[in-house]
Amino acid sequence: EEEQAEAEAEAEREAEAEAEEEQREAEEEQREAEREEAAEEAAEEAQEAADEAAYQRDVDAEQAEADREQEYAEDNAAAQDRAIAQEEYAEGNYAAGNAYEQQANYDQQAANDDAYDANAEQYAAQQAEARREQDEAYAMEAREREREAEERRRREEEERRRLDAEERERIRREDEQRQQQMDAEPTSGYEDGNNNNNQQKDDGCPCVVM
């Protein structure tokens, strides 16, 4: 009966150990699934941010191009108005026979044209510089988002490793505790007799029970 009880206890311990192992495996699979899901969500967020930044760049570029075309059209219209006014004024001077004023008008028109060309070049340079700065800002923003995503992934990996280490340590302690309990429990009457003999020896008894 004692051996049967011991066998039943051993079977029960093994069943409990197996159940605990299955539970640990299930928990580990759940944590792994959660980590994978978090990594996928982080990747999707980074991709969405990059797509949004690219879309915003395209919108800003189209708006800037529309603004440039509008300003160019307005400048052309103003230049045409000035040219018409200058031409009308020159015709009036010519009719009056004032060649000096006519030449001055031509010189003024040339100066106006030069100033317009200079303004157009300056505007183009300013727009190019603005686009360059905007592209740099978008690139910096994308790098910052990527850095943040990488930092999140690093923290998640560190947390995963920490949890894994804690889980391994917990399993080790449980296994060690079970082993100590098993070592402390007598397994047979022969072992009990040996323990008694050893105790008698330790107490100073010179006799040995065979």
N, C-alpha and C. Protein backbone atom coordinates (compact mmCIF):
# COMPACT_ATOMS: atom_id res chain seq x y z
N GLU A 1 0.82 -1.19 0.00
CA GLU A 1 0.00 0.00 0.00
C GLU A 1 0.87 1.26 0.00
N GLU A 2 1.95 1.19 0.76
CA GLU A 2 2.85 2.37 0.79
C GLU A 2 3.48 2.62 -0.57
N GLU A 3 3.91 1.52 -1.23
CA GLU A 3 4.49 1.66 -2.57
C GLU A 3 3.45 2.16 -3.56
N GLN A 4 2.22 1.67 -3.44
CA GLN A 4 1.15 2.14 -4.33
C GLN A 4 0.87 3.62 -4.11
N ALA A 5 0.85 4.01 -2.83
CA ALA A 5 0.61 5.43 -2.53
C ALA A 5 1.74 6.29 -3.07
N GLU A 6 2.97 5.76 -2.92
CA GLU A 6 4.12 6.51 -3.45
C GLU A 6 4.05 6.63 -4.97
N ALA A 7 3.65 5.53 -5.63
CA ALA A 7 3.52 5.55 -7.09
C ALA A 7 2.44 6.52 -7.52
N GLU A 8 1.32 6.51 -6.78
CA GLU A 8 0.25 7.45 -7.12
C GLU A 8 0.70 8.90 -6.92
N ALA A 9 1.44 9.12 -5.83
CA ALA A 9 1.94 10.48 -5.59
C ALA A 9 2.91 10.90 -6.68
N GLU A 10 3.77 9.96 -7.07
CA GLU A 10 4.74 10.27 -8.15
C GLU A 10 4.00 10.57 -9.46
N ALA A 11 2.99 9.76 -9.76
CA ALA A 11 2.21 10.00 -10.98
C ALA A 11 1.51 11.34 -10.92
N GLU A 12 1.00 11.68 -9.73
CA GLU A 12 0.32 12.97 -9.59
C GLU A 12 1.31 14.13 -9.78
N ARG A 13 2.52 13.98 -9.20
CA ARG A 13 3.53 15.03 -9.38
C ARG A 13 3.92 15.18 -10.85
N GLU A 14 4.08 14.04 -11.52
CA GLU A 14 4.43 14.10 -12.94
C GLU A 14 3.32 14.76 -13.75
N ALA A 15 2.07 14.41 -13.41
CA ALA A 15 0.94 15.03 -14.13
C ALA A 15 0.91 16.53 -13.89
N GLU A 16 1.15 16.92 -12.61
CA GLU A 16 1.17 18.36 -12.31
C GLU A 16 2.31 19.06 -13.05
N ALA A 17 3.48 18.41 -13.08
CA ALA A 17 4.62 19.01 -13.79
C ALA A 17 4.33 19.14 -15.28
N GLU A 18 3.71 18.10 -15.84
CA GLU A 18 3.37 18.16 -17.27
C GLU A 18 2.35 19.25 -17.55
N ALA A 19 1.36 19.37 -16.65
CA ALA A 19 0.35 20.42 -16.83
C ALA A 19 0.98 21.80 -16.73
N GLU A 20 1.90 21.95 -15.75
CA GLU A 20 2.58 23.25 -15.62
C GLU A 20 3.42 23.57 -16.86
N GLU A 21 4.08 22.55 -17.39
CA GLU A 21 4.89 22.75 -18.60
C GLU A 21 4.01 23.16 -19.78
N GLU A 22 2.87 22.49 -19.92
CA GLU A 22 1.95 22.85 -21.00
C GLU A 22 1.43 24.28 -20.81
N GLN A 23 1.15 24.64 -19.55
CA GLN A 23 0.69 26.01 -19.27
C GLN A 23 1.76 27.03 -19.64
N ARG A 24 3.02 26.73 -19.26
CA ARG A 24 4.12 27.66 -19.60
C ARG A 24 4.26 27.80 -21.11
N GLU A 25 4.17 26.68 -21.82
CA GLU A 25 4.29 26.74 -23.28
C GLU A 25 3.16 27.56 -23.88
N ALA A 26 1.95 27.37 -23.37
CA ALA A 26 0.81 28.15 -23.88
C ALA A 26 1.01 29.64 -23.61
N GLU A 27 1.50 29.96 -22.40
CA GLU A 27 1.73 31.37 -22.07
C GLU A 27 2.83 31.97 -22.96
N GLU A 28 3.88 31.18 -23.21
CA GLU A 28 4.97 31.66 -24.07
C GLU A 28 4.47 31.90 -25.49
N GLU A 29 3.63 30.99 -26.00
CA GLU A 29 3.07 31.17 -27.34
C GLU A 29 2.20 32.43 -27.39
N GLN A 30 1.43 32.67 -26.32
CA GLN A 30 0.59 33.87 -26.28
C GLN A 30 1.44 35.13 -26.29
N ARG A 31 2.53 35.12 -25.46
CA ARG A 31 3.40 36.30 -25.44
C ARG A 31 4.08 36.52 -26.79
N GLU A 32 4.50 35.43 -27.42
CA GLU A 32 5.14 35.55 -28.74
C GLU A 32 4.17 36.13 -29.76
N ALA A 33 2.91 35.68 -29.71
CA ALA A 33 1.90 36.22 -30.63
C ALA A 33 1.67 37.70 -30.38
N GLU A 34 1.64 38.09 -29.09
CA GLU A 34 1.45 39.50 -28.77
C GLU A 34 2.64 40.34 -29.24
N ARG A 35 3.85 39.80 -29.07
CA ARG A 35 5.02 40.55 -29.55
C ARG A 35 4.99 40.71 -31.07
N GLU A 36 4.65 39.64 -31.78
CA GLU A 36 4.58 39.73 -33.23
C GLU A 36 3.52 40.74 -33.67
N GLU A 37 2.39 40.71 -32.98
CA GLU A 37 1.32 41.66 -33.33
C GLU A 37 1.77 43.09 -33.08
N ALA A 38 2.48 43.33 -31.96
CA ALA A 38 2.97 44.68 -31.66
C ALA A 38 3.99 45.13 -32.71
N ALA A 39 4.87 44.20 -33.14
CA ALA A 39 5.86 44.55 -34.15
C ALA A 39 5.18 44.89 -35.47
N GLU A 40 4.14 44.11 -35.84
CA GLU A 40 3.42 44.40 -37.07
C GLU A 40 2.71 45.75 -37.00
N GLU A 41 2.14 46.05 -35.84
CA GLU A 41 1.46 47.35 -35.69
C GLU A 41 2.46 48.50 -35.80
N ALA A 42 3.65 48.32 -35.20
CA ALA A 42 4.67 49.38 -35.29
C ALA A 42 5.11 49.58 -36.73
N ALA A 43 5.30 48.46 -37.47
CA ALA A 43 5.70 48.57 -38.88
C ALA A 43 4.61 49.26 -39.70
N GLU A 44 3.34 48.91 -39.43
CA GLU A 44 2.24 49.54 -40.15
C GLU A 44 2.16 51.04 -39.84
N GLU A 45 2.39 51.40 -38.57
CA GLU A 45 2.37 52.82 -38.21
C GLU A 45 3.48 53.58 -38.92
N ALA A 46 4.68 52.97 -38.98
CA ALA A 46 5.80 53.63 -39.65
C ALA A 46 5.50 53.79 -41.14
N GLN A 47 4.91 52.75 -41.76
CA GLN A 47 4.59 52.83 -43.18
C GLN A 47 3.52 53.89 -43.43
N GLU A 48 2.51 53.93 -42.56
CA GLU A 48 1.46 54.94 -42.72
C GLU A 48 2.02 56.36 -42.58
N ALA A 49 2.95 56.52 -41.64
CA ALA A 49 3.57 57.84 -41.46
C ALA A 49 4.37 58.23 -42.69
N ALA A 50 5.12 57.26 -43.25
CA ALA A 50 5.90 57.54 -44.45
C ALA A 50 4.99 57.88 -45.63
N ASP A 51 3.89 57.12 -45.78
CA ASP A 51 2.94 57.39 -46.87
C ASP A 51 2.30 58.77 -46.70
N GLU A 52 1.96 59.10 -45.47
CA GLU A 52 1.35 60.41 -45.22
C GLU A 52 2.31 61.54 -45.53
N ALA A 53 3.59 61.34 -45.15
CA ALA A 53 4.59 62.38 -45.43
C ALA A 53 4.79 62.54 -46.94
N ALA A 54 4.83 61.41 -47.67
CA ALA A 54 4.99 61.48 -49.11
C ALA A 54 3.80 62.18 -49.76
N TYR A 55 2.60 61.84 -49.30
CA TYR A 55 1.40 62.48 -49.84
C TYR A 55 1.41 63.98 -49.57
N GLN A 56 1.81 64.35 -48.35
CA GLN A 56 1.86 65.77 -48.01
C GLN A 56 2.88 66.51 -48.86
N ARG A 57 4.01 65.85 -49.13
CA ARG A 57 5.02 66.48 -50.00
C ARG A 57 4.46 66.73 -51.39
N ASP A 58 3.73 65.74 -51.91
CA ASP A 58 3.15 65.90 -53.24
C ASP A 58 2.13 67.05 -53.26
N VAL A 59 1.30 67.11 -52.23
CA VAL A 59 0.31 68.18 -52.16
C VAL A 59 0.98 69.54 -52.08
N ASP A 60 2.01 69.64 -51.23
CA ASP A 60 2.72 70.92 -51.09
C ASP A 60 3.42 71.31 -52.39
N ALA A 61 3.99 70.31 -53.08
CA ALA A 61 4.67 70.60 -54.34
C ALA A 61 3.68 71.10 -55.39
N GLU A 62 2.51 70.45 -55.46
CA GLU A 62 1.50 70.89 -56.42
C GLU A 62 1.01 72.31 -56.09
N GLN A 63 0.82 72.58 -54.80
CA GLN A 63 0.38 73.91 -54.40
C GLN A 63 1.43 74.96 -54.73
N ALA A 64 2.69 74.63 -54.48
CA ALA A 64 3.77 75.57 -54.78
C ALA A 64 3.85 75.83 -56.29
N GLU A 65 3.67 74.78 -57.08
CA GLU A 65 3.71 74.95 -58.53
C GLU A 65 2.55 75.83 -59.00
N ALA A 66 1.36 75.60 -58.43
CA ALA A 66 0.21 76.43 -58.79
C ALA A 66 0.45 77.89 -58.40
N ASP A 67 1.05 78.11 -57.23
CA ASP A 67 1.35 79.48 -56.80
C ASP A 67 2.36 80.14 -57.73
N ARG A 68 3.36 79.38 -58.13
CA ARG A 68 4.36 79.94 -59.05
C ARG A 68 3.74 80.32 -60.39
N GLU A 69 2.89 79.43 -60.91
CA GLU A 69 2.24 79.72 -62.19
C GLU A 69 1.34 80.95 -62.07
N GLN A 70 0.62 81.06 -60.95
CA GLN A 70 -0.25 82.22 -60.75
C GLN A 70 0.57 83.50 -60.69
N GLU A 71 1.65 83.48 -59.94
CA GLU A 71 2.48 84.67 -59.82
C GLU A 71 3.13 85.03 -61.16
N TYR A 72 3.57 83.99 -61.89
CA TYR A 72 4.17 84.24 -63.19
C TYR A 72 3.15 84.88 -64.14
N ALA A 73 1.89 84.37 -64.12
CA ALA A 73 0.85 84.94 -64.98
C ALA A 73 0.57 86.39 -64.60
N GLU A 74 0.54 86.67 -63.30
CA GLU A 74 0.30 88.05 -62.86
C GLU A 74 1.45 88.97 -63.28
N ASP A 75 2.67 88.47 -63.15
CA ASP A 75 3.82 89.28 -63.58
C ASP A 75 3.78 89.55 -65.08
N ASN A 76 3.41 88.53 -65.85
CA ASN A 76 3.31 88.71 -67.31
C ASN A 76 2.23 89.74 -67.66
N ALA A 77 1.09 89.62 -66.97
CA ALA A 77 0.02 90.58 -67.24
C ALA A 77 0.46 92.00 -66.91
N ALA A 78 1.16 92.16 -65.77
CA ALA A 78 1.65 93.49 -65.40
C ALA A 78 2.67 94.00 -66.40
N ALA A 79 3.54 93.09 -66.86
CA ALA A 79 4.54 93.50 -67.85
C ALA A 79 3.88 93.92 -69.16
N GLN A 80 2.85 93.17 -69.56
CA GLN A 80 2.13 93.53 -70.78
C GLN A 80 1.45 94.89 -70.63
N ASP A 81 0.86 95.13 -69.46
CA ASP A 81 0.23 96.44 -69.23
C ASP A 81 1.27 97.56 -69.30
N ARG A 82 2.44 97.30 -68.70
CA ARG A 82 3.48 98.32 -68.76
C ARG A 82 3.95 98.55 -70.19
N ALA A 83 4.07 97.43 -70.94
CA ALA A 83 4.52 97.56 -72.32
C ALA A 83 3.52 98.35 -73.16
N ILE A 84 2.24 98.05 -72.94
CA ILE A 84 1.20 98.78 -73.69
C ILE A 84 1.22 100.26 -73.34
N ALA A 85 1.34 100.52 -72.03
CA ALA A 85 1.38 101.92 -71.61
C ALA A 85 2.60 102.64 -72.18
N GLN A 86 3.73 101.95 -72.14
CA GLN A 86 4.94 102.55 -72.69
C GLN A 86 4.84 102.76 -74.20
N GLU A 87 4.22 101.79 -74.86
CA GLU A 87 4.07 101.92 -76.31
C GLU A 87 3.14 103.08 -76.66
N GLU A 88 2.04 103.18 -75.92
CA GLU A 88 1.13 104.29 -76.17
C GLU A 88 1.80 105.64 -75.89
N TYR A 89 2.56 105.64 -74.82
CA TYR A 89 3.26 106.88 -74.49
C TYR A 89 4.31 107.22 -75.54
N ALA A 90 5.01 106.19 -76.03
CA ALA A 90 6.01 106.41 -77.06
C ALA A 90 5.37 106.90 -78.35
N GLU A 91 4.20 106.32 -78.69
CA GLU A 91 3.52 106.77 -79.90
C GLU A 91 3.11 108.24 -79.78
N GLY A 92 2.65 108.61 -78.59
CA GLY A 92 2.29 110.01 -78.40
C GLY A 92 3.50 110.93 -78.55
N ASN A 93 4.61 110.52 -77.97
CA ASN A 93 5.83 111.32 -78.10
C ASN A 93 6.32 111.41 -79.54
N TYR A 94 6.18 110.25 -80.23
CA TYR A 94 6.62 110.26 -81.63
C TYR A 94 5.76 111.19 -82.46
N ALA A 95 4.47 111.14 -82.19
CA ALA A 95 3.58 112.02 -82.93
C ALA A 95 3.91 113.47 -82.65
N ALA A 96 4.33 113.75 -81.45
CA ALA A 96 4.70 115.12 -81.10
C ALA A 96 6.10 115.47 -81.57
N GLY A 97 6.80 114.46 -82.06
CA GLY A 97 8.15 114.72 -82.55
C GLY A 97 9.20 114.78 -81.46
N ASN A 98 8.89 114.25 -80.25
CA ASN A 98 9.86 114.32 -79.15
C ASN A 98 10.67 113.02 -79.14
N ALA A 99 11.71 112.95 -79.93
CA ALA A 99 12.54 111.75 -80.04
C ALA A 99 13.27 111.45 -78.73
N TYR A 100 13.61 112.48 -77.99
CA TYR A 100 14.35 112.28 -76.74
C TYR A 100 13.51 111.50 -75.73
N GLU A 101 12.27 111.92 -75.56
CA GLU A 101 11.39 111.23 -74.63
C GLU A 101 11.08 109.81 -75.09
N GLN A 102 10.99 109.66 -76.42
CA GLN A 102 10.75 108.32 -76.94
C GLN A 102 11.90 107.38 -76.59
N GLN A 103 13.13 107.86 -76.75
CA GLN A 103 14.28 107.04 -76.40
C GLN A 103 14.32 106.73 -74.90
N ALA A 104 13.95 107.74 -74.12
CA ALA A 104 13.91 107.52 -72.68
C ALA A 104 12.89 106.44 -72.32
N ASN A 105 11.78 106.47 -73.03
CA ASN A 105 10.77 105.45 -72.77
C ASN A 105 11.28 104.06 -73.13
N TYR A 106 11.98 104.00 -74.26
CA TYR A 106 12.56 102.71 -74.64
C TYR A 106 13.56 102.22 -73.58
N ASP A 107 14.38 103.16 -73.10
CA ASP A 107 15.35 102.80 -72.06
C ASP A 107 14.65 102.32 -70.78
N GLN A 108 13.58 103.01 -70.45
CA GLN A 108 12.83 102.62 -69.26
C GLN A 108 12.21 101.23 -69.41
N GLN A 109 11.71 100.97 -70.64
CA GLN A 109 11.14 99.65 -70.90
C GLN A 109 12.20 98.56 -70.77
N ALA A 110 13.39 98.87 -71.31
CA ALA A 110 14.49 97.90 -71.20
C ALA A 110 14.87 97.67 -69.73
N ALA A 111 14.90 98.75 -68.97
CA ALA A 111 15.22 98.62 -67.54
C ALA A 111 14.14 97.81 -66.82
N ASN A 112 12.90 98.07 -67.20
CA ASN A 112 11.81 97.30 -66.59
C ASN A 112 11.92 95.81 -66.93
N ASP A 113 12.27 95.54 -68.18
CA ASP A 113 12.43 94.15 -68.59
C ASP A 113 13.57 93.48 -67.82
N ASP A 114 14.68 94.24 -67.68
CA ASP A 114 15.81 93.68 -66.92
C ASP A 114 15.43 93.41 -65.47
N ALA A 115 14.70 94.37 -64.90
CA ALA A 115 14.27 94.19 -63.50
C ALA A 115 13.33 93.00 -63.38
N TYR A 116 12.44 92.84 -64.35
CA TYR A 116 11.52 91.71 -64.33
C TYR A 116 12.28 90.39 -64.41
N ASP A 117 13.28 90.35 -65.32
CA ASP A 117 14.09 89.13 -65.44
C ASP A 117 14.84 88.84 -64.14
N ALA A 118 15.38 89.90 -63.54
CA ALA A 118 16.11 89.71 -62.28
C ALA A 118 15.17 89.21 -61.18
N ASN A 119 13.98 89.79 -61.14
CA ASN A 119 13.01 89.35 -60.13
C ASN A 119 12.59 87.90 -60.36
N ALA A 120 12.43 87.54 -61.62
CA ALA A 120 12.04 86.16 -61.94
C ALA A 120 13.13 85.18 -61.52
N GLU A 121 14.39 85.54 -61.78
CA GLU A 121 15.50 84.67 -61.38
C GLU A 121 15.59 84.56 -59.86
N GLN A 122 15.42 85.69 -59.19
CA GLN A 122 15.46 85.67 -57.72
C GLN A 122 14.32 84.82 -57.16
N TYR A 123 13.15 84.96 -57.76
CA TYR A 123 12.01 84.17 -57.29
C TYR A 123 12.26 82.67 -57.49
N ALA A 124 12.81 82.33 -58.67
CA ALA A 124 13.11 80.92 -58.93
C ALA A 124 14.12 80.38 -57.94
N ALA A 125 15.15 81.19 -57.63
CA ALA A 125 16.15 80.75 -56.66
C ALA A 125 15.53 80.58 -55.28
N GLN A 126 14.66 81.52 -54.89
CA GLN A 126 14.00 81.41 -53.59
C GLN A 126 13.12 80.16 -53.52
N GLN A 127 12.40 79.90 -54.61
CA GLN A 127 11.55 78.72 -54.62
C GLN A 127 12.37 77.44 -54.54
N ALA A 128 13.50 77.41 -55.25
CA ALA A 128 14.36 76.23 -55.20
C ALA A 128 14.89 76.02 -53.79
N GLU A 129 15.31 77.11 -53.13
CA GLU A 129 15.81 77.00 -51.76
C GLU A 129 14.69 76.55 -50.81
N ALA A 130 13.48 77.07 -51.02
CA ALA A 130 12.36 76.67 -50.17
C ALA A 130 12.04 75.19 -50.35
N ARG A 131 12.10 74.72 -51.60
CA ARG A 131 11.85 73.29 -51.84
C ARG A 131 12.92 72.43 -51.19
N ARG A 132 14.17 72.88 -51.29
CA ARG A 132 15.26 72.12 -50.68
C ARG A 132 15.08 72.03 -49.16
N GLU A 133 14.75 73.17 -48.54
CA GLU A 133 14.56 73.16 -47.09
C GLU A 133 13.37 72.28 -46.70
N GLN A 134 12.32 72.34 -47.53
CA GLN A 134 11.14 71.52 -47.23
C GLN A 134 11.48 70.03 -47.35
N ASP A 135 12.24 69.67 -48.40
CA ASP A 135 12.64 68.27 -48.56
C ASP A 135 13.50 67.81 -47.40
N GLU A 136 14.40 68.69 -46.95
CA GLU A 136 15.24 68.34 -45.80
C GLU A 136 14.39 68.14 -44.54
N ALA A 137 13.38 69.00 -44.37
CA ALA A 137 12.50 68.87 -43.21
C ALA A 137 11.72 67.56 -43.26
N TYR A 138 11.21 67.20 -44.45
CA TYR A 138 10.49 65.94 -44.58
C TYR A 138 11.41 64.76 -44.31
N ALA A 139 12.65 64.83 -44.84
CA ALA A 139 13.60 63.74 -44.62
C ALA A 139 13.94 63.61 -43.14
N MET A 140 14.14 64.75 -42.48
CA MET A 140 14.45 64.72 -41.04
C MET A 140 13.28 64.12 -40.25
N GLU A 141 12.06 64.51 -40.65
CA GLU A 141 10.88 63.98 -39.95
C GLU A 141 10.76 62.47 -40.15
N ALA A 142 11.03 62.01 -41.38
CA ALA A 142 10.97 60.57 -41.65
C ALA A 142 12.03 59.83 -40.85
N ARG A 143 13.25 60.41 -40.78
CA ARG A 143 14.31 59.76 -39.98
C ARG A 143 13.94 59.70 -38.51
N GLU A 144 13.31 60.76 -38.01
CA GLU A 144 12.92 60.79 -36.60
C GLU A 144 11.85 59.73 -36.32
N ARG A 145 10.89 59.59 -37.25
CA ARG A 145 9.86 58.57 -37.06
C ARG A 145 10.48 57.17 -37.09
N GLU A 146 11.44 56.98 -38.01
CA GLU A 146 12.10 55.69 -38.08
C GLU A 146 12.89 55.42 -36.81
N ARG A 147 13.53 56.46 -36.27
CA ARG A 147 14.29 56.29 -35.02
C ARG A 147 13.35 55.92 -33.87
N GLU A 148 12.19 56.60 -33.82
CA GLU A 148 11.24 56.28 -32.76
C GLU A 148 10.72 54.85 -32.89
N ALA A 149 10.45 54.43 -34.14
CA ALA A 149 9.98 53.06 -34.35
C ALA A 149 11.05 52.06 -33.93
N GLU A 150 12.32 52.36 -34.28
CA GLU A 150 13.42 51.48 -33.89
C GLU A 150 13.58 51.44 -32.38
N GLU A 151 13.39 52.58 -31.72
CA GLU A 151 13.48 52.62 -30.26
C GLU A 151 12.37 51.78 -29.63
N ARG A 152 11.15 51.88 -30.21
CA ARG A 152 10.05 51.05 -29.70
C ARG A 152 10.37 49.56 -29.86
N ARG A 153 10.91 49.21 -31.04
CA ARG A 153 11.25 47.80 -31.26
C ARG A 153 12.33 47.34 -30.28
N ARG A 154 13.32 48.24 -30.01
CA ARG A 154 14.39 47.88 -29.08
C ARG A 154 13.84 47.65 -27.67
N ARG A 155 12.96 48.58 -27.23
CA ARG A 155 12.38 48.42 -25.90
C ARG A 155 11.54 47.14 -25.80
N GLU A 156 10.79 46.85 -26.87
CA GLU A 156 9.99 45.63 -26.86
C GLU A 156 10.87 44.38 -26.79
N GLU A 157 11.99 44.42 -27.53
CA GLU A 157 12.91 43.29 -27.51
C GLU A 157 13.54 43.13 -26.13
N GLU A 158 13.93 44.24 -25.50
CA GLU A 158 14.49 44.17 -24.16
C GLU A 158 13.46 43.62 -23.17
N GLU A 159 12.21 44.08 -23.31
CA GLU A 159 11.15 43.58 -22.43
C GLU A 159 10.92 42.09 -22.65
N ARG A 160 10.96 41.68 -23.92
CA ARG A 160 10.80 40.25 -24.20
C ARG A 160 11.92 39.43 -23.57
N ARG A 161 13.16 39.92 -23.71
CA ARG A 161 14.28 39.19 -23.11
C ARG A 161 14.17 39.14 -21.59
N ARG A 162 13.74 40.28 -21.00
CA ARG A 162 13.60 40.30 -19.56
C ARG A 162 12.55 39.29 -19.10
N LEU A 163 11.41 39.27 -19.79
CA LEU A 163 10.35 38.33 -19.43
C LEU A 163 10.81 36.88 -19.63
N ASP A 164 11.55 36.64 -20.73
CA ASP A 164 12.06 35.30 -20.96
C ASP A 164 13.02 34.88 -19.85
N ALA A 165 13.89 35.81 -19.44
CA ALA A 165 14.84 35.51 -18.37
C ALA A 165 14.10 35.23 -17.06
N GLU A 166 13.09 36.04 -16.76
CA GLU A 166 12.31 35.81 -15.55
C GLU A 166 11.58 34.47 -15.61
N GLU A 167 11.06 34.14 -16.80
CA GLU A 167 10.36 32.87 -16.95
C GLU A 167 11.32 31.70 -16.75
N ARG A 168 12.52 31.80 -17.36
CA ARG A 168 13.50 30.74 -17.19
C ARG A 168 13.92 30.60 -15.73
N GLU A 169 14.12 31.74 -15.06
CA GLU A 169 14.50 31.69 -13.65
C GLU A 169 13.39 31.07 -12.80
N ARG A 170 12.13 31.44 -13.10
CA ARG A 170 11.01 30.86 -12.36
C ARG A 170 10.94 29.36 -12.56
N ILE A 171 11.12 28.92 -13.80
CA ILE A 171 11.09 27.48 -14.10
C ILE A 171 12.23 26.77 -13.37
N ARG A 172 13.41 27.41 -13.38
CA ARG A 172 14.57 26.79 -12.72
C ARG A 172 14.31 26.64 -11.23
N ARG A 173 13.75 27.71 -10.61
CA ARG A 173 13.48 27.63 -9.18
C ARG A 173 12.43 26.56 -8.87
N GLU A 174 11.40 26.48 -9.71
CA GLU A 174 10.38 25.46 -9.49
C GLU A 174 10.96 24.06 -9.63
N ASP A 175 11.77 23.88 -10.68
CA ASP A 175 12.41 22.56 -10.88
C ASP A 175 13.32 22.23 -9.71
N GLU A 176 14.09 23.23 -9.26
CA GLU A 176 15.00 23.01 -8.14
C GLU A 176 14.21 22.68 -6.87
N GLN A 177 13.09 23.40 -6.66
CA GLN A 177 12.27 23.13 -5.48
C GLN A 177 11.67 21.73 -5.53
N ARG A 178 11.17 21.34 -6.70
CA ARG A 178 10.61 19.99 -6.85
C ARG A 178 11.68 18.93 -6.59
N GLN A 179 12.88 19.18 -7.13
CA GLN A 179 13.96 18.22 -6.94
C GLN A 179 14.33 18.10 -5.47
N GLN A 180 14.36 19.26 -4.79
CA GLN A 180 14.67 19.22 -3.36
C GLN A 180 13.60 18.46 -2.58
N GLN A 181 12.34 18.68 -2.95
CA GLN A 181 11.25 17.96 -2.29
C GLN A 181 11.34 16.45 -2.54
N MET A 182 11.66 16.11 -3.79
CA MET A 182 11.80 14.69 -4.12
C MET A 182 12.98 14.07 -3.38
N ASP A 183 14.07 14.83 -3.29
CA ASP A 183 15.25 14.32 -2.58
C ASP A 183 14.97 14.17 -1.10
N ALA A 184 14.13 15.06 -0.56
CA ALA A 184 13.86 15.02 0.88
C ALA A 184 12.87 13.92 1.25
N GLU A 185 12.08 13.43 0.32
CA GLU A 185 11.08 12.42 0.62
C GLU A 185 11.68 11.02 0.53
N PRO A 186 11.45 10.12 1.53
CA PRO A 186 11.97 8.73 1.45
C PRO A 186 11.23 7.97 0.36
N THR A 187 11.98 7.12 -0.33
CA THR A 187 11.39 6.36 -1.44
C THR A 187 11.16 4.90 -1.10
N SER A 188 11.76 4.33 -0.05
CA SER A 188 11.56 2.92 0.30
C SER A 188 11.95 2.67 1.74
N GLY A 189 11.54 1.49 2.26
CA GLY A 189 11.91 1.12 3.61
C GLY A 189 13.40 0.88 3.75
N TYR A 190 14.04 0.39 2.69
CA TYR A 190 15.49 0.16 2.73
C TYR A 190 16.22 1.46 2.95
N GLU A 191 15.74 2.50 2.28
CA GLU A 191 16.39 3.80 2.42
C GLU A 191 16.16 4.33 3.81
N ASP A 192 14.95 4.06 4.40
CA ASP A 192 14.70 4.48 5.77
C ASP A 192 15.63 3.78 6.72
N GLY A 193 15.86 2.46 6.49
CA GLY A 193 16.77 1.72 7.35
C GLY A 193 18.17 2.25 7.28
N ASN A 194 18.62 2.57 6.09
CA ASN A 194 19.95 3.14 5.94
C ASN A 194 20.05 4.46 6.65
N ASN A 195 18.99 5.25 6.57
CA ASN A 195 19.00 6.54 7.26
C ASN A 195 19.12 6.32 8.76
N ASN A 196 18.39 5.28 9.28
CA ASN A 196 18.47 5.00 10.71
C ASN A 196 19.87 4.55 11.10
N ASN A 197 20.46 3.68 10.25
CA ASN A 197 21.82 3.22 10.52
C ASN A 197 22.79 4.38 10.54
N ASN A 198 22.64 5.26 9.57
CA ASN A 198 23.54 6.41 9.50
C ASN A 198 23.35 7.28 10.72
N GLN A 199 22.09 7.42 11.18
CA GLN A 199 21.82 8.24 12.36
C GLN A 199 22.47 7.61 13.58
N GLN A 200 22.41 6.26 13.66
CA GLN A 200 23.04 5.58 14.78
C GLN A 200 24.54 5.77 14.76
N LYS A 201 25.11 5.74 13.56
CA LYS A 201 26.55 5.97 13.45
C LYS A 201 26.89 7.37 13.90
N ASP A 202 26.08 8.32 13.49
CA ASP A 202 26.34 9.71 13.86
C ASP A 202 26.20 9.89 15.36
N ASP A 203 25.32 9.07 15.99
CA ASP A 203 25.13 9.20 17.44
C ASP A 203 26.23 8.50 18.23
N GLY A 204 27.12 7.80 17.54
CA GLY A 204 28.24 7.15 18.23
C GLY A 204 28.03 5.69 18.48
N CYS A 205 26.98 5.08 17.95
CA CYS A 205 26.75 3.65 18.15
C CYS A 205 27.73 2.86 17.30
N PRO A 206 28.50 1.94 17.88
CA PRO A 206 29.49 1.20 17.07
C PRO A 206 28.88 0.08 16.26
N CYS A 207 27.61 -0.27 16.53
CA CYS A 207 27.02 -1.40 15.82
C CYS A 207 26.52 -0.97 14.46
N VAL A 208 26.50 -1.93 13.53
CA VAL A 208 26.01 -1.68 12.17
C VAL A 208 24.91 -2.67 11.90
N VAL A 209 23.74 -2.19 11.54
CA VAL A 209 22.63 -3.07 11.22
C VAL A 209 22.75 -3.48 9.78
N MET A 210 22.75 -4.76 9.52
CA MET A 210 22.89 -5.25 8.15
C MET A 210 21.52 -5.45 7.56
